[in-house]
Amino acid sequence: MLFMNNGRASCPAPLLKTTVEYYYLRHHFNKKKQKPPQKQKMTKGSDIIVNRYRNFIKTVCETDIVYTLQNQNGFAMASSVQYGDEFDQPVGILCFWAIHGRANSCIINQWADYRITEISLTEFIETWGVGMENDGILAGIGFDQKMFGYEAKPLDLILDLVAEIKATKKNISLQKFENLTDLEEQAKIANR
């Protein structure tokens, strides 16, 4: 799981591979999903953020790099405007970009003391995705300076990345899964 430090996530946890460990995660996910985040109405300009999400998927699968912002306290986080927890509080979001320049343009205001950090696509999929799911955190994709971006459920994001990798016949080396099919099957089970 991601360890929280001053309200910011400070490091991702490894994704578990064994059947027993995944049974535990599935059971844990099912407990969490007894009361899923309450989705709010889509905001104006939702077509823009959907396109940013689609472009993120294609670009990171081409470049093998995901960008985030980090400072001494952790990684760039925001609050959801679409999802609330069981107490109607906004769900936390870890922010990611496919393009270095867009990430760099967000190093202002509350993120002025952050720097760009690169994450390999494999690490992002295998480690960060399930880490965010375990912690009930969303992935913020392509946020701009006004905090306008796509809010993705982590396992949905992983499944979209796997679909793009398969569609483009890209080869990636996974460390925590036997292959893409194994990753996809486990993500689907945990996402039920």
Protein backbone atom coordinates (compact mmCIF):
# COMPACT_ATOMS: atom_id res chain seq x y z
CA MET A 1 0.00 0.00 0.00
CA LEU A 2 1.09 3.60 -0.38
CA PHE A 3 2.34 5.07 2.85
CA MET A 4 0.83 8.43 3.65
CA ASN A 5 3.11 11.24 4.76
CA ASN A 6 1.50 14.60 5.46
CA GLY A 7 -1.49 13.59 3.37
CA ARG A 8 0.61 12.58 0.36
CA ALA A 9 1.51 9.12 -0.83
CA SER A 10 5.19 8.46 -0.41
CA CYS A 11 5.86 5.10 -2.01
CA PRO A 12 4.05 2.35 -3.89
CA ALA A 13 3.75 -1.20 -2.63
CA PRO A 14 4.54 -4.30 -4.63
CA LEU A 15 1.70 -6.03 -6.39
CA LEU A 16 1.00 -9.47 -5.01
CA LYS A 17 1.24 -12.42 -7.38
CA THR A 18 0.20 -15.58 -5.61
CA THR A 19 -3.31 -16.96 -5.66
CA VAL A 20 -3.56 -16.84 -1.87
CA GLU A 21 -2.44 -13.21 -1.79
CA TYR A 22 -4.82 -12.31 -4.58
CA TYR A 23 -7.67 -14.09 -2.80
CA TYR A 24 -6.94 -11.81 0.14
CA LEU A 25 -6.90 -8.74 -2.12
CA ARG A 26 -10.12 -9.80 -3.83
CA HIS A 27 -11.76 -10.30 -0.45
CA HIS A 28 -10.39 -6.91 0.64
CA PHE A 29 -11.63 -5.25 -2.57
CA ASN A 30 -15.06 -6.80 -2.12
CA LYS A 31 -15.25 -5.41 1.39
CA LYS A 32 -14.34 -1.97 0.10
CA LYS A 33 -16.89 -2.24 -2.67
CA GLN A 34 -19.78 -2.80 -0.27
CA LYS A 35 -20.20 0.96 -0.50
CA PRO A 36 -18.39 2.11 -3.66
CA PRO A 37 -17.38 5.71 -4.21
CA GLN A 38 -20.39 7.75 -5.19
CA LYS A 39 -19.89 9.11 -8.68
CA GLN A 40 -21.00 12.67 -9.17
CA LYS A 41 -22.23 14.27 -12.37
CA MET A 42 -19.62 14.77 -15.10
CA THR A 43 -18.34 18.32 -15.38
CA LYS A 44 -18.39 20.59 -18.42
CA GLY A 45 -15.68 19.72 -20.90
CA SER A 46 -15.76 16.02 -20.10
CA ASP A 47 -14.98 15.23 -23.75
CA ILE A 48 -11.67 17.05 -23.33
CA ILE A 49 -10.66 15.00 -20.32
CA VAL A 50 -11.78 11.75 -21.96
CA ASN A 51 -9.54 12.60 -24.93
CA ARG A 52 -6.66 13.34 -22.53
CA TYR A 53 -7.20 9.92 -20.98
CA ARG A 54 -7.21 8.16 -24.37
CA ASN A 55 -4.07 10.06 -25.40
CA PHE A 56 -2.42 9.13 -22.09
CA ILE A 57 -3.07 5.43 -22.73
CA LYS A 58 -1.64 5.57 -26.26
CA THR A 59 1.34 7.77 -25.39
CA VAL A 60 2.57 5.88 -22.31
CA CYS A 61 2.26 2.60 -24.21
CA GLU A 62 4.44 4.09 -26.98
CA THR A 63 7.04 5.74 -24.73
CA ASP A 64 7.03 3.34 -21.74
CA ILE A 65 7.14 6.39 -19.42
CA VAL A 66 4.61 7.85 -17.00
CA TYR A 67 5.35 11.18 -15.32
CA THR A 68 4.36 12.33 -11.86
CA LEU A 69 5.38 15.19 -9.59
CA GLN A 70 7.23 14.61 -6.34
CA ASN A 71 8.69 16.65 -3.49
CA GLN A 72 10.33 15.71 -0.19
CA ASN A 73 6.90 14.91 1.31
CA GLY A 74 5.58 12.65 -1.42
CA PHE A 75 3.76 12.75 -4.73
CA ALA A 76 1.34 15.27 -6.25
CA MET A 77 -2.19 14.67 -5.03
CA ALA A 78 -5.55 16.25 -5.61
CA SER A 79 -9.12 15.65 -4.47
CA SER A 80 -11.79 14.11 -6.66
CA VAL A 81 -14.67 16.19 -7.95
CA GLN A 82 -16.44 13.05 -9.23
CA TYR A 83 -16.06 10.51 -6.43
CA GLY A 84 -16.77 10.67 -2.74
CA ASP A 85 -16.13 8.15 0.00
CA GLU A 86 -18.72 6.72 2.38
CA PHE A 87 -18.55 9.97 4.38
CA ASP A 88 -19.14 12.12 1.27
CA GLN A 89 -15.54 13.34 1.40
CA PRO A 90 -13.64 13.63 -1.91
CA VAL A 91 -11.50 10.60 -2.75
CA GLY A 92 -7.76 11.29 -3.06
CA ILE A 93 -6.09 11.33 -6.46
CA LEU A 94 -2.45 10.70 -7.40
CA CYS A 95 -1.67 12.70 -10.55
CA PHE A 96 0.09 11.37 -13.66
CA TRP A 97 0.98 12.66 -17.11
CA ALA A 98 2.07 11.11 -20.40
CA ILE A 99 3.91 14.23 -21.58
CA HIS A 100 6.83 15.81 -19.72
CA GLY A 101 5.80 19.33 -20.78
CA ARG A 102 2.27 19.00 -19.41
CA ALA A 103 3.61 17.72 -16.08
CA ASN A 104 6.12 20.57 -16.02
CA SER A 105 3.36 23.14 -16.66
CA CYS A 106 1.69 22.02 -13.41
CA ILE A 107 4.69 22.88 -11.23
CA ILE A 108 2.95 25.99 -9.91
CA ASN A 109 0.83 27.00 -6.92
CA GLN A 110 0.53 24.10 -4.46
CA TRP A 111 3.00 22.05 -6.53
CA ALA A 112 5.61 24.80 -6.97
CA ASP A 113 8.23 22.87 -4.95
CA TYR A 114 7.70 19.58 -6.84
CA ARG A 115 9.92 18.05 -9.49
CA ILE A 116 9.10 15.66 -12.32
CA THR A 117 9.65 11.96 -11.65
CA GLU A 118 9.57 9.28 -14.33
CA ILE A 119 7.96 5.89 -13.75
CA SER A 120 8.43 3.02 -16.18
CA LEU A 121 5.22 1.71 -17.71
CA THR A 122 5.82 -1.72 -16.22
CA GLU A 123 6.33 -0.32 -12.71
CA PHE A 124 3.29 1.92 -13.12
CA ILE A 125 1.09 -1.01 -14.11
CA GLU A 126 2.43 -3.64 -11.71
CA THR A 127 3.12 -1.54 -8.62
CA TRP A 128 1.32 1.77 -8.64
CA GLY A 129 -2.00 0.59 -10.07
CA VAL A 130 -2.80 -1.98 -7.40
CA GLY A 131 -1.19 0.19 -4.71
CA MET A 132 -3.69 2.93 -5.52
CA GLU A 133 -6.54 0.43 -5.57
CA ASN A 134 -5.52 -0.93 -2.16
CA ASP A 135 -5.52 2.56 -0.71
CA GLY A 136 -8.77 3.68 -2.33
CA ILE A 137 -6.97 6.36 -4.33
CA LEU A 138 -7.80 7.31 -7.91
CA ALA A 139 -5.37 8.04 -10.74
CA GLY A 140 -5.57 11.62 -11.99
CA ILE A 141 -4.69 11.61 -15.67
CA GLY A 142 -3.50 14.67 -17.57
CA PHE A 143 -4.52 17.28 -15.02
CA ASP A 144 -3.89 20.86 -16.07
CA GLN A 145 -2.98 23.96 -14.05
CA LYS A 146 -6.62 24.39 -13.05
CA MET A 147 -6.79 20.81 -11.69
CA PHE A 148 -8.97 19.72 -14.59
CA GLY A 149 -8.31 16.12 -15.65
CA TYR A 150 -9.55 12.55 -15.92
CA GLU A 151 -10.23 10.59 -12.73
CA ALA A 152 -9.55 6.89 -13.35
CA LYS A 153 -10.19 3.94 -11.10
CA PRO A 154 -6.81 2.19 -10.90
CA LEU A 155 -7.87 -1.26 -12.07
CA ASP A 156 -9.85 0.22 -14.97
CA LEU A 157 -6.69 2.10 -15.92
CA ILE A 158 -4.60 -1.08 -15.77
CA LEU A 159 -7.12 -2.92 -17.95
CA ASP A 160 -7.13 -0.08 -20.50
CA LEU A 161 -3.32 -0.11 -20.61
CA VAL A 162 -3.28 -3.90 -21.08
CA ALA A 163 -5.83 -3.60 -23.90
CA GLU A 164 -3.66 -0.99 -25.68
CA ILE A 165 -0.51 -3.07 -25.21
CA LYS A 166 -2.25 -6.10 -26.68
CA ALA A 167 -3.80 -4.09 -29.54
CA THR A 168 -0.40 -2.72 -30.57
CA LYS A 169 1.30 -6.11 -30.05
CA LYS A 170 3.84 -4.43 -27.80
CA ASN A 171 6.13 -6.65 -25.76
CA ILE A 172 6.72 -5.71 -22.15
CA SER A 173 8.55 -7.65 -19.47
CA LEU A 174 6.49 -8.08 -16.34
CA GLN A 175 8.19 -8.83 -13.04
CA LYS A 176 5.18 -9.70 -10.86
CA PHE A 177 2.99 -11.52 -13.36
CA GLU A 178 3.58 -14.43 -15.69
CA ASN A 179 2.38 -12.44 -18.72
CA LEU A 180 -0.20 -9.85 -19.82
CA THR A 181 -3.02 -12.39 -19.75
CA ASP A 182 -2.21 -13.25 -16.12
CA LEU A 183 -2.19 -9.53 -15.23
CA GLU A 184 -5.47 -8.96 -17.07
CA GLU A 185 -7.20 -11.92 -15.43
CA GLN A 186 -6.11 -10.92 -11.94
CA ALA A 187 -7.12 -7.28 -12.48
CA LYS A 188 -10.54 -8.37 -13.76
CA ILE A 189 -11.07 -10.63 -10.73
CA ALA A 190 -10.08 -7.84 -8.32
CA ASN A 191 -12.24 -5.34 -10.24
CA ARG A 192 -15.49 -7.30 -9.81
